[in-house]
């Protein structure tokens, strides 16, 4: 197939391109290489893909309507993996307009490209952040998610709604994936594991929010990638056996699907930090702070639907995942 990966210089986009290379596909990746975090890391990911003859890269911003329309018209993709977005919960409090541009206008440009070129399947990134302060655990895609607590979360919920509209109106097959705290080699520097390891190795304190009373469904990058690749071949079909009046957020008569991708077993933040201490050989000096605005105390993915659809259940536990990240970090940064 001919595949488009948006955000290919990003953490997940790079890993998906690497995984799909050598499988007989033609892969085209786009990214705007913005400076939200260290651009040299994004360039290093692209350099890592340079040896893949079936992968090509085009620098392009999702908000460039004409550029995106031309890309879809000229390239004639079969399927699209849309991972590009402005990420980060806390950053959305400082620069809200960037989220409207990338996550709303950019997402609309992807939807329009898919509609105009009659793409076989659009798989796109949503987020566990859409669950907000939901008290019911584990979080299920059938749960109501109408109360986001950050603008980032609101844009991701909006992406799901926009996508459903296109699936309904144009019978565009779409699948949204709610990612749960993705970590691993080549990860984002704004994520906790990156910040913690950097500080611990430098003998500096780490900032621990909500006084350490937090838990996350940490999901290793390889498990995320395997879920994406498997879902790509599970194309939703229109259904006539479900009344829209009783539809849940993850079900519809349209060719539309939503899945959680998480490990399915939340880990306390303090246990995660202890795993980092073992992997780095460094003691964590914790600076305990209140909860940050827009953050949530815990996440936990109900992954049963993904298992039923793909036969896959995430495999890599935190101890092993953290060990692999630290090994990559030491090699990449020569520390």
Protein backbone atom coordinates (compact mmCIF):
# COMPACT_ATOMS: atom_id res chain seq x y z
CA UNK A 1 0.00 0.00 0.00
CA UNK A 2 0.95 3.64 -0.24
CA UNK A 3 0.77 5.08 3.27
CA UNK A 4 0.87 8.59 4.68
CA UNK A 5 2.23 9.07 8.20
CA UNK A 6 1.72 12.56 9.59
CA UNK A 7 4.10 13.61 12.34
CA UNK A 8 6.79 11.22 11.14
CA UNK A 9 9.57 13.13 12.92
CA UNK A 10 7.65 12.65 16.17
CA UNK A 11 8.05 9.94 18.78
CA UNK A 12 5.27 7.62 17.62
CA UNK A 13 5.43 8.55 13.93
CA UNK A 14 9.10 7.60 13.71
CA UNK A 15 8.46 4.29 15.43
CA UNK A 16 5.53 3.44 13.15
CA UNK A 17 7.53 4.26 10.02
CA UNK A 18 10.41 2.10 11.27
CA UNK A 19 8.02 -0.79 11.98
CA UNK A 20 6.27 -0.62 8.58
CA UNK A 21 9.47 -0.24 6.57
CA UNK A 22 10.43 -3.39 4.73
CA UNK A 23 6.85 -4.67 4.59
CA UNK A 24 6.32 -3.88 0.91
CA UNK A 25 4.67 -0.50 1.41
CA UNK A 26 5.55 2.92 0.04
CA UNK A 27 5.65 5.25 3.04
CA UNK A 28 5.48 9.03 2.85
CA UNK A 29 5.91 11.04 6.03
CA UNK A 30 5.23 14.69 6.73
CA UNK A 31 6.14 16.92 9.68
CA UNK A 32 6.52 20.66 10.23
CA UNK A 33 9.55 20.17 12.54
CA UNK A 34 8.32 22.82 14.98
CA UNK A 35 10.36 23.84 17.99
CA UNK A 36 7.98 22.72 20.75
CA UNK A 37 10.93 20.57 21.84
CA UNK A 38 14.48 20.02 20.61
CA UNK A 39 14.38 19.96 16.81
CA UNK A 40 17.68 18.08 16.69
CA UNK A 41 15.94 15.06 18.24
CA UNK A 42 13.28 15.19 15.53
CA UNK A 43 16.00 15.43 12.89
CA UNK A 44 17.81 12.48 14.49
CA UNK A 45 14.65 10.39 14.14
CA UNK A 46 14.46 11.31 10.45
CA UNK A 47 18.15 10.47 10.06
CA UNK A 48 17.42 7.08 11.63
CA UNK A 49 14.89 6.49 8.83
CA UNK A 50 17.23 7.71 6.08
CA UNK A 51 18.44 4.18 5.42
CA UNK A 52 14.93 2.97 4.61
CA UNK A 53 14.49 3.15 0.80
CA UNK A 54 10.71 2.76 1.09
CA UNK A 55 10.35 5.81 3.38
CA UNK A 56 10.37 9.40 2.11
CA UNK A 57 9.89 12.68 3.97
CA UNK A 58 8.22 15.96 3.02
CA UNK A 59 8.38 18.98 5.31
CA UNK A 60 4.81 20.24 5.47
CA UNK A 61 2.56 21.84 8.06
CA UNK A 62 -0.92 20.41 8.57
CA UNK A 63 -2.40 23.91 8.63
CA UNK A 64 -1.21 24.58 5.07
CA UNK A 65 -4.54 23.93 3.38
CA UNK A 66 -3.28 24.22 -0.19
CA UNK A 67 -0.18 22.18 0.56
CA UNK A 68 -2.19 19.42 2.20
CA UNK A 69 -4.70 19.31 -0.66
CA UNK A 70 -1.86 19.09 -3.18
CA UNK A 71 -0.17 16.34 -1.18
CA UNK A 72 -3.27 14.14 -1.20
CA UNK A 73 -4.02 14.88 -4.86
CA UNK A 74 -0.49 14.14 -6.06
CA UNK A 75 0.40 11.17 -3.87
CA UNK A 76 -2.83 9.13 -4.04
CA UNK A 77 -2.48 7.38 -0.70
CA UNK A 78 -4.32 4.18 0.10
CA UNK A 79 -4.40 4.67 3.88
CA UNK A 80 -3.44 7.39 6.34
CA UNK A 81 -1.93 7.19 9.83
CA UNK A 82 -2.49 10.65 11.31
CA UNK A 83 -0.26 11.16 14.35
CA UNK A 84 0.75 14.81 13.99
CA UNK A 85 -0.62 17.16 16.64
CA UNK A 86 0.43 19.76 19.15
CA UNK A 87 0.96 17.62 22.22
CA UNK A 88 1.21 18.44 25.90
CA UNK A 89 -1.41 19.23 28.51
CA UNK A 90 0.47 21.98 30.35
CA UNK A 91 1.71 23.74 27.21
CA UNK A 92 -1.92 24.20 26.14
CA UNK A 93 -2.34 26.59 29.08
CA UNK A 94 0.45 28.79 27.72
CA UNK A 95 -0.11 28.65 23.95
CA UNK A 96 -3.76 27.77 23.29
CA UNK A 97 -3.85 29.06 19.70
CA UNK A 98 -1.20 26.55 18.60
CA UNK A 99 -3.60 23.76 19.59
CA UNK A 100 -6.44 25.26 17.58
CA UNK A 101 -4.18 25.50 14.54
CA UNK A 102 -2.57 22.05 14.61
CA UNK A 103 -5.25 19.95 16.29
CA UNK A 104 -8.41 21.47 14.81
CA UNK A 105 -7.53 23.11 11.49
CA UNK A 106 -4.80 20.57 10.80
CA UNK A 107 -7.08 17.66 11.58
CA UNK A 108 -9.77 19.11 9.31
CA UNK A 109 -7.26 19.37 6.46
CA UNK A 110 -6.42 15.68 6.91
CA UNK A 111 -10.11 14.75 6.91
CA UNK A 112 -10.69 16.76 3.73
CA UNK A 113 -7.75 15.12 2.01
CA UNK A 114 -9.06 11.69 2.96
CA UNK A 115 -12.55 12.55 1.73
CA UNK A 116 -11.44 14.02 -1.56
CA UNK A 117 -9.19 11.06 -2.38
CA UNK A 118 -11.52 8.39 -0.96
CA UNK A 119 -8.92 6.94 1.41
CA UNK A 120 -9.51 3.30 2.40
CA UNK A 121 -8.88 3.88 6.12
CA UNK A 122 -7.88 6.82 8.31
CA UNK A 123 -6.27 5.85 11.64
CA UNK A 124 -5.69 8.86 13.88
CA UNK A 125 -4.32 9.67 17.31
CA UNK A 126 -6.65 10.60 20.11
CA UNK A 127 -5.64 10.62 23.78
CA UNK A 128 -6.49 9.24 27.19
CA UNK A 129 -6.78 12.88 28.27
CA UNK A 130 -10.32 12.96 26.85
CA UNK A 131 -11.48 11.04 29.94
CA UNK A 132 -10.79 14.07 32.12
CA UNK A 133 -11.69 13.53 35.76
CA UNK A 134 -13.76 10.40 35.13
CA UNK A 135 -14.02 8.50 38.41
CA UNK A 136 -15.03 5.18 36.84
CA UNK A 137 -12.07 2.89 36.14
CA UNK A 138 -10.85 1.39 33.98
CA UNK A 139 -11.64 4.01 31.33
CA UNK A 140 -13.75 2.53 28.54
CA UNK A 141 -14.41 4.01 25.11
CA UNK A 142 -18.15 3.69 25.82
CA UNK A 143 -17.81 6.16 28.73
CA UNK A 144 -19.08 9.72 28.49
CA UNK A 145 -16.17 12.09 27.85
CA UNK A 146 -17.89 15.46 27.77
CA UNK A 147 -15.88 17.06 30.59
CA UNK A 148 -12.24 17.57 29.51
CA UNK A 149 -10.01 19.48 31.94
CA UNK A 150 -7.44 20.85 29.46
CA UNK A 151 -7.64 22.50 26.07
CA UNK A 152 -5.45 19.73 24.66
CA UNK A 153 -8.02 17.16 25.80
CA UNK A 154 -10.83 19.25 24.33
CA UNK A 155 -9.12 19.34 20.93
CA UNK A 156 -8.70 15.57 20.98
CA UNK A 157 -12.37 15.07 21.82
CA UNK A 158 -13.18 17.52 19.01
CA UNK A 159 -11.08 15.40 16.64
CA UNK A 160 -13.24 12.38 17.45
CA UNK A 161 -16.43 14.35 16.81
CA UNK A 162 -15.15 15.88 13.57
CA UNK A 163 -14.04 12.46 12.37
CA UNK A 164 -17.39 10.87 13.15
CA UNK A 165 -19.07 13.54 11.04
CA UNK A 166 -16.91 12.64 8.04
CA UNK A 167 -17.46 8.93 8.59
CA UNK A 168 -21.21 9.52 8.71
CA UNK A 169 -21.50 11.94 5.80
CA UNK A 170 -18.98 10.41 3.40
CA UNK A 171 -18.70 6.79 4.59
CA UNK A 172 -15.03 7.40 5.30
CA UNK A 173 -13.71 4.49 7.40
CA UNK A 174 -11.95 5.92 10.45
CA UNK A 175 -10.41 4.59 13.65
CA UNK A 176 -9.41 6.74 16.60
CA UNK A 177 -6.81 5.49 19.07
CA UNK A 178 -6.71 6.85 22.61
CA UNK A 179 -3.07 6.53 23.64
CA UNK A 180 -2.18 6.12 27.32
CA UNK A 181 1.13 7.67 28.53
CA UNK A 182 3.44 6.42 25.82
CA UNK A 183 7.13 6.08 26.73
CA UNK A 184 10.27 4.42 25.44
CA UNK A 185 13.38 5.05 23.29
CA UNK A 186 13.29 8.16 21.08
CA UNK A 187 10.60 9.62 23.36
CA UNK A 188 9.57 13.25 23.88
CA UNK A 189 11.72 15.42 26.19
CA UNK A 190 8.62 17.03 27.71
CA UNK A 191 7.44 13.69 29.13
CA UNK A 192 8.03 12.79 32.78
CA UNK A 193 10.37 9.84 32.15
CA UNK A 194 12.68 12.01 30.04
CA UNK A 195 12.73 14.82 32.60
CA UNK A 196 13.23 12.42 35.52
CA UNK A 197 16.13 10.50 33.97
CA UNK A 198 17.89 13.70 32.88
CA UNK A 199 17.59 15.22 36.36
CA UNK A 200 18.47 12.04 38.26
CA UNK A 201 21.63 11.47 36.21
CA UNK A 202 22.65 15.08 36.84
CA UNK A 203 22.04 14.77 40.59
CA UNK A 204 19.20 17.28 40.43
CA UNK A 205 15.76 17.05 42.10
CA UNK A 206 12.72 15.84 40.19
CA UNK A 207 9.32 17.52 40.44
CA UNK A 208 6.63 15.12 41.64
CA UNK A 209 3.11 16.50 41.34
CA UNK A 210 0.10 15.87 43.58
CA UNK A 211 2.67 14.93 46.23
CA UNK A 212 3.24 11.63 44.44
CA UNK A 213 -0.38 10.48 44.68
CA UNK A 214 -0.78 9.73 40.98
CA UNK A 215 -0.89 6.69 38.74
CA UNK A 216 -0.63 6.22 35.00
CA UNK A 217 -1.28 3.42 32.55
CA UNK A 218 2.27 3.60 31.18
CA UNK A 219 2.41 2.05 27.69
CA UNK A 220 5.65 1.08 25.98
CA UNK A 221 6.19 2.41 22.46
CA UNK A 222 6.47 -1.05 20.83
CA UNK A 223 3.03 -1.97 22.17
CA UNK A 224 1.55 1.26 20.82
CA UNK A 225 3.09 0.63 17.39
CA UNK A 226 1.87 -2.96 17.25
CA UNK A 227 -1.64 -1.78 18.06
CA UNK A 228 -1.53 0.86 15.30
CA UNK A 229 -0.23 -1.57 12.69
CA UNK A 230 -2.86 -4.18 13.53
CA UNK A 231 -5.71 -1.66 13.61
CA UNK A 232 -4.70 -0.39 10.17
CA UNK A 233 -6.09 -3.62 8.69
CA UNK A 234 -9.27 -3.62 10.81
CA UNK A 235 -11.36 -1.33 8.63
CA UNK A 236 -14.70 -0.26 10.19
CA UNK A 237 -17.82 -1.00 8.17
CA UNK A 238 -21.15 0.84 8.10
CA UNK A 239 -23.70 -0.82 10.37
CA UNK A 240 -27.46 -0.79 10.15
CA UNK A 241 -28.14 -2.79 13.32
CA UNK A 242 -27.61 0.08 15.73
CA UNK A 243 -29.95 2.97 16.34
CA UNK A 244 -28.17 6.32 16.61
CA UNK A 245 -30.41 7.24 19.52
CA UNK A 246 -28.75 4.62 21.71
CA UNK A 247 -25.23 4.90 20.32
CA UNK A 248 -22.32 5.25 22.74
CA UNK A 249 -19.27 7.45 22.07
CA UNK A 250 -17.44 4.50 20.51
CA UNK A 251 -20.24 3.06 18.38
CA UNK A 252 -22.22 4.32 15.43
CA UNK A 253 -23.95 3.26 12.25
CA UNK A 254 -21.09 5.00 10.44
CA UNK A 255 -17.80 3.20 9.58
CA UNK A 256 -16.24 4.61 12.73
CA UNK A 257 -14.31 3.01 15.61
CA UNK A 258 -12.51 4.05 18.78
CA UNK A 259 -10.04 2.02 20.84
CA UNK A 260 -7.91 2.52 23.91
CA UNK A 261 -4.26 1.57 23.56
CA UNK A 262 -2.83 1.22 27.05
CA UNK A 263 -1.03 -1.44 29.02
CA UNK A 264 -4.22 -2.08 30.97
CA UNK A 265 -2.52 -1.97 34.37
CA UNK A 266 -1.88 1.41 36.03
CA UNK A 267 1.36 1.97 37.93
CA UNK A 268 1.74 4.46 40.77
CA UNK A 269 4.05 7.36 40.04
CA UNK A 270 6.26 6.44 43.00
CA UNK A 271 6.61 2.85 41.75
CA UNK A 272 7.58 4.25 38.35
CA UNK A 273 10.23 6.42 39.99
CA UNK A 274 11.57 3.41 41.87
CA UNK A 275 11.90 1.55 38.55
CA UNK A 276 13.88 4.52 37.23
CA UNK A 277 16.18 4.38 40.27
CA UNK A 278 16.93 0.72 39.56
CA UNK A 279 17.52 1.31 35.84
CA UNK A 280 19.72 4.38 36.28
CA UNK A 281 21.47 3.43 39.50
CA UNK A 282 20.68 6.94 40.72
CA UNK A 283 18.58 7.92 43.72
CA UNK A 284 15.66 10.25 43.05
CA UNK A 285 15.56 13.44 45.06
CA UNK A 286 11.83 14.21 44.96
CA UNK A 287 10.44 17.71 45.20
CA UNK A 288 6.76 17.22 46.04
CA UNK A 289 4.36 19.75 44.53
CA UNK A 290 0.56 20.24 44.25
CA UNK A 291 -1.45 18.99 41.29
CA UNK A 292 -0.88 20.95 38.10
CA UNK A 293 -3.84 22.66 36.38
CA UNK A 294 -5.27 20.47 33.59
CA UNK A 295 -3.73 17.28 34.99
CA UNK A 296 -5.58 14.22 36.30
CA UNK A 297 -4.65 11.96 39.23
CA UNK A 298 -4.89 8.61 37.44
CA UNK A 299 -5.49 6.84 34.14
CA UNK A 300 -6.34 3.22 33.41
CA UNK A 301 -7.23 1.75 30.02
CA UNK A 302 -9.88 -0.84 29.37
CA UNK A 303 -8.19 -2.64 26.44
CA UNK A 304 -10.70 -5.43 25.87
CA UNK A 305 -12.09 -3.90 22.66
CA UNK A 306 -8.61 -3.67 21.14
CA UNK A 307 -7.95 -7.30 22.06
CA UNK A 308 -11.21 -8.40 20.46
CA UNK A 309 -10.52 -6.42 17.29
CA UNK A 310 -6.85 -7.25 16.79
CA UNK A 311 -5.99 -10.21 19.02
CA UNK A 312 -3.26 -8.12 20.60
CA UNK A 313 -2.64 -7.26 24.23
CA UNK A 314 0.32 -5.04 25.22
CA UNK A 315 3.31 -7.07 26.41
CA UNK A 316 6.04 -4.85 27.87
CA UNK A 317 5.92 -4.11 31.60
CA UNK A 318 7.29 -0.97 33.23
CA UNK A 319 10.51 -2.52 34.60
CA UNK A 320 11.57 -3.74 31.17
CA UNK A 321 10.31 -0.64 29.36
CA UNK A 322 12.15 1.73 31.70
CA UNK A 323 15.34 -0.33 31.37
CA UNK A 324 15.17 -0.07 27.56
CA UNK A 325 14.58 3.68 27.71
CA UNK A 326 17.53 4.29 30.02
CA UNK A 327 19.79 2.19 27.79
CA UNK A 328 18.75 4.26 24.76
CA UNK A 329 19.14 7.53 26.68
CA UNK A 330 22.69 6.68 27.76
CA UNK A 331 23.68 5.72 24.23
CA UNK A 332 21.97 8.65 22.50
CA UNK A 333 23.24 11.34 24.89
CA UNK A 334 26.55 9.61 25.64
CA UNK A 335 26.06 9.68 29.44
